[in-house]
Amino acid sequence: MKSKLIHDAQGLRTYAVVLAIGDEIGHVLQTFAEKERLSAAQVTAIGAFEEATLAFWVWETRKYEEIPVREQVEVLSLNGDIALDEHGRPKLHLHAVLGRRDGSTIGGHLMNARVRPTLEVIVTEAPAHLRRKEDSETGLPLIHIDD
């Protein structure tokens, strides 16, 4: 992984982060977020994965159902955010739409993925801090906005 700060003004930083073959996106971006002390940021990316695990959150069971993707796919759209968890650590929340060789797509919550050949990520930090708090109804760590 290589990264570069490409904009820094008025509390807003923007980074280009380029992942390489074999990089696991969750681990790499988590390490990057901790190193840069990101507390509120948006993430967008395009590229490709050699494999991935997506998930769909089922309301009735309050659990994620995993969707394994065991083939080379194009990352057509990857969006998400970074917010602080209840312990003050950056936490990733990513969703992806992946394109298959036949042109069909699959999408969902991104659990993990291994890059091949590259993933081009733009991380844009916001000047405000976002915090995640466990929601009592769903059990999910949702972004909490004070009234």
Protein backbone atom coordinates (compact mmCIF):
# COMPACT_ATOMS: atom_id res chain seq x y z
CA MET A 1 0.00 0.00 0.00
CA LYS A 2 1.13 3.49 -0.82
CA SER A 3 -0.55 6.71 0.28
CA LYS A 4 -0.17 10.40 -0.32
CA LEU A 5 -1.79 13.45 1.25
CA ILE A 6 -3.18 15.31 -1.78
CA HIS A 7 -5.08 18.13 -0.05
CA ASP A 8 -4.87 19.75 3.39
CA ALA A 9 -6.80 22.93 4.19
CA GLN A 10 -9.12 24.19 6.95
CA GLY A 11 -9.27 20.90 8.83
CA LEU A 12 -10.00 18.87 5.70
CA ARG A 13 -7.45 16.33 4.51
CA THR A 14 -7.75 14.19 1.39
CA TYR A 15 -5.56 11.15 0.74
CA ALA A 16 -4.96 8.91 -2.24
CA VAL A 17 -4.35 5.36 -1.01
CA VAL A 18 -3.32 2.71 -3.53
CA LEU A 19 -3.48 -0.94 -2.52
CA ALA A 20 -1.47 -3.63 -4.32
CA ILE A 21 -1.87 -7.31 -5.19
CA GLY A 22 -2.59 -9.36 -2.08
CA ASP A 23 -3.49 -6.47 0.22
CA GLU A 24 -6.51 -7.17 2.45
CA ILE A 25 -8.58 -4.00 2.32
CA GLY A 26 -9.92 -4.03 5.88
CA HIS A 27 -6.54 -4.51 7.50
CA VAL A 28 -4.77 -1.97 5.28
CA LEU A 29 -7.39 0.78 5.63
CA GLN A 30 -7.76 0.19 9.39
CA THR A 31 -4.00 0.55 9.84
CA PHE A 32 -4.00 3.67 7.64
CA ALA A 33 -6.91 5.25 9.59
CA GLU A 34 -5.16 4.62 12.91
CA LYS A 35 -1.82 5.98 11.64
CA GLU A 36 -3.44 9.17 10.31
CA ARG A 37 -5.73 9.47 13.37
CA LEU A 38 -8.86 9.73 11.25
CA SER A 39 -12.01 10.36 13.24
CA ALA A 40 -14.52 11.20 10.50
CA ALA A 41 -13.95 10.44 6.82
CA GLN A 42 -15.60 9.29 3.62
CA VAL A 43 -14.09 6.51 1.52
CA THR A 44 -14.54 5.84 -2.21
CA ALA A 45 -12.65 3.38 -4.39
CA ILE A 46 -12.43 1.51 -7.67
CA GLY A 47 -10.20 -1.38 -8.70
CA ALA A 48 -10.43 -5.15 -8.51
CA PHE A 49 -10.47 -8.06 -6.04
CA GLU A 50 -9.32 -11.64 -6.43
CA GLU A 51 -11.91 -12.64 -3.82
CA ALA A 52 -14.20 -11.01 -1.30
CA THR A 53 -16.85 -11.62 1.31
CA LEU A 54 -19.91 -9.40 1.22
CA ALA A 55 -22.83 -9.58 3.61
CA PHE A 56 -26.48 -8.71 3.88
CA TRP A 57 -27.89 -7.63 7.24
CA VAL A 58 -31.13 -9.48 7.99
CA TRP A 59 -33.60 -7.45 10.05
CA GLU A 60 -35.43 -10.45 11.50
CA THR A 61 -32.33 -12.19 12.87
CA ARG A 62 -30.29 -9.02 13.54
CA LYS A 63 -27.30 -10.78 11.92
CA TYR A 64 -25.25 -10.56 8.75
CA GLU A 65 -25.57 -13.35 6.18
CA GLU A 66 -22.25 -13.73 4.39
CA ILE A 67 -22.03 -13.79 0.60
CA PRO A 68 -18.73 -15.36 -0.52
CA VAL A 69 -17.31 -14.11 -3.81
CA ARG A 70 -14.61 -16.57 -4.93
CA GLU A 71 -13.70 -15.11 -8.31
CA GLN A 72 -11.89 -12.16 -9.85
CA VAL A 73 -14.24 -9.14 -9.80
CA GLU A 74 -14.10 -5.47 -10.73
CA VAL A 75 -14.83 -3.00 -7.91
CA LEU A 76 -17.43 -0.89 -9.69
CA SER A 77 -18.23 1.15 -6.60
CA LEU A 78 -16.90 1.06 -3.06
CA ASN A 79 -18.27 3.62 -0.62
CA GLY A 80 -18.15 4.00 3.10
CA ASP A 81 -17.07 5.95 6.10
CA ILE A 82 -14.66 5.96 8.98
CA ALA A 83 -15.96 7.00 12.39
CA LEU A 84 -14.74 6.54 15.93
CA ASP A 85 -16.07 3.55 17.84
CA GLU A 86 -17.07 3.63 21.51
CA HIS A 87 -13.40 3.22 22.48
CA GLY A 88 -12.23 6.16 20.35
CA ARG A 89 -10.69 3.98 17.61
CA PRO A 90 -11.40 4.49 13.90
CA LYS A 91 -13.96 1.99 12.58
CA LEU A 92 -14.54 1.24 8.90
CA HIS A 93 -17.99 0.77 7.38
CA LEU A 94 -17.80 -0.16 3.69
CA HIS A 95 -20.27 -1.26 1.01
CA ALA A 96 -19.33 -2.47 -2.48
CA VAL A 97 -20.85 -3.26 -5.85
CA LEU A 98 -18.71 -5.84 -7.66
CA GLY A 99 -18.83 -6.67 -11.37
CA ARG A 100 -18.43 -10.22 -12.62
CA ARG A 101 -16.89 -11.33 -15.91
CA ASP A 102 -20.34 -11.86 -17.46
CA GLY A 103 -21.37 -8.30 -16.61
CA SER A 104 -23.61 -9.23 -13.69
CA THR A 105 -23.14 -7.52 -10.36
CA ILE A 106 -23.27 -8.40 -6.70
CA GLY A 107 -23.23 -6.00 -3.80
CA GLY A 108 -23.45 -5.63 -0.06
CA HIS A 109 -21.63 -4.79 3.15
CA LEU A 110 -17.92 -5.47 2.61
CA MET A 111 -16.61 -7.89 5.23
CA ASN A 112 -13.19 -8.52 3.65
CA ALA A 113 -11.48 -8.64 0.28
CA ARG A 114 -8.10 -9.33 -1.24
CA VAL A 115 -6.90 -6.89 -3.92
CA ARG A 116 -5.79 -7.95 -7.41
CA PRO A 117 -4.28 -6.04 -9.20
CA THR A 118 -5.01 -2.68 -7.53
CA LEU A 119 -7.51 -0.67 -5.52
CA GLU A 120 -7.48 3.12 -5.86
CA VAL A 121 -8.97 4.70 -2.74
CA ILE A 122 -9.75 8.33 -1.96
CA VAL A 123 -10.17 9.12 1.74
CA THR A 124 -11.66 12.53 2.53
CA GLU A 125 -11.57 13.62 6.15
CA ALA A 126 -14.27 15.88 7.54
CA PRO A 127 -13.46 18.43 10.25
CA ALA A 128 -16.18 17.06 12.59
CA HIS A 129 -15.76 13.92 14.68
CA LEU A 130 -18.19 11.06 14.10
CA ARG A 131 -18.79 8.44 16.79
CA ARG A 132 -20.38 5.03 16.59
CA LYS A 133 -22.61 3.79 19.39
CA GLU A 134 -24.36 0.44 19.70
CA ASP A 135 -28.00 0.85 18.75
CA SER A 136 -30.26 -0.88 21.29
CA GLU A 137 -32.85 -1.90 18.69
CA THR A 138 -30.51 -3.43 16.10
CA GLY A 139 -27.34 -4.18 18.04
CA LEU A 140 -25.36 -2.48 15.26
CA PRO A 141 -22.69 0.18 15.89
CA LEU A 142 -24.41 3.13 14.19
CA ILE A 143 -23.17 6.69 13.84
CA HIS A 144 -24.58 8.69 16.71
CA ILE A 145 -25.35 12.37 16.20
CA ASP A 146 -25.95 14.39 19.35
CA ASP A 147 -29.14 16.49 19.45
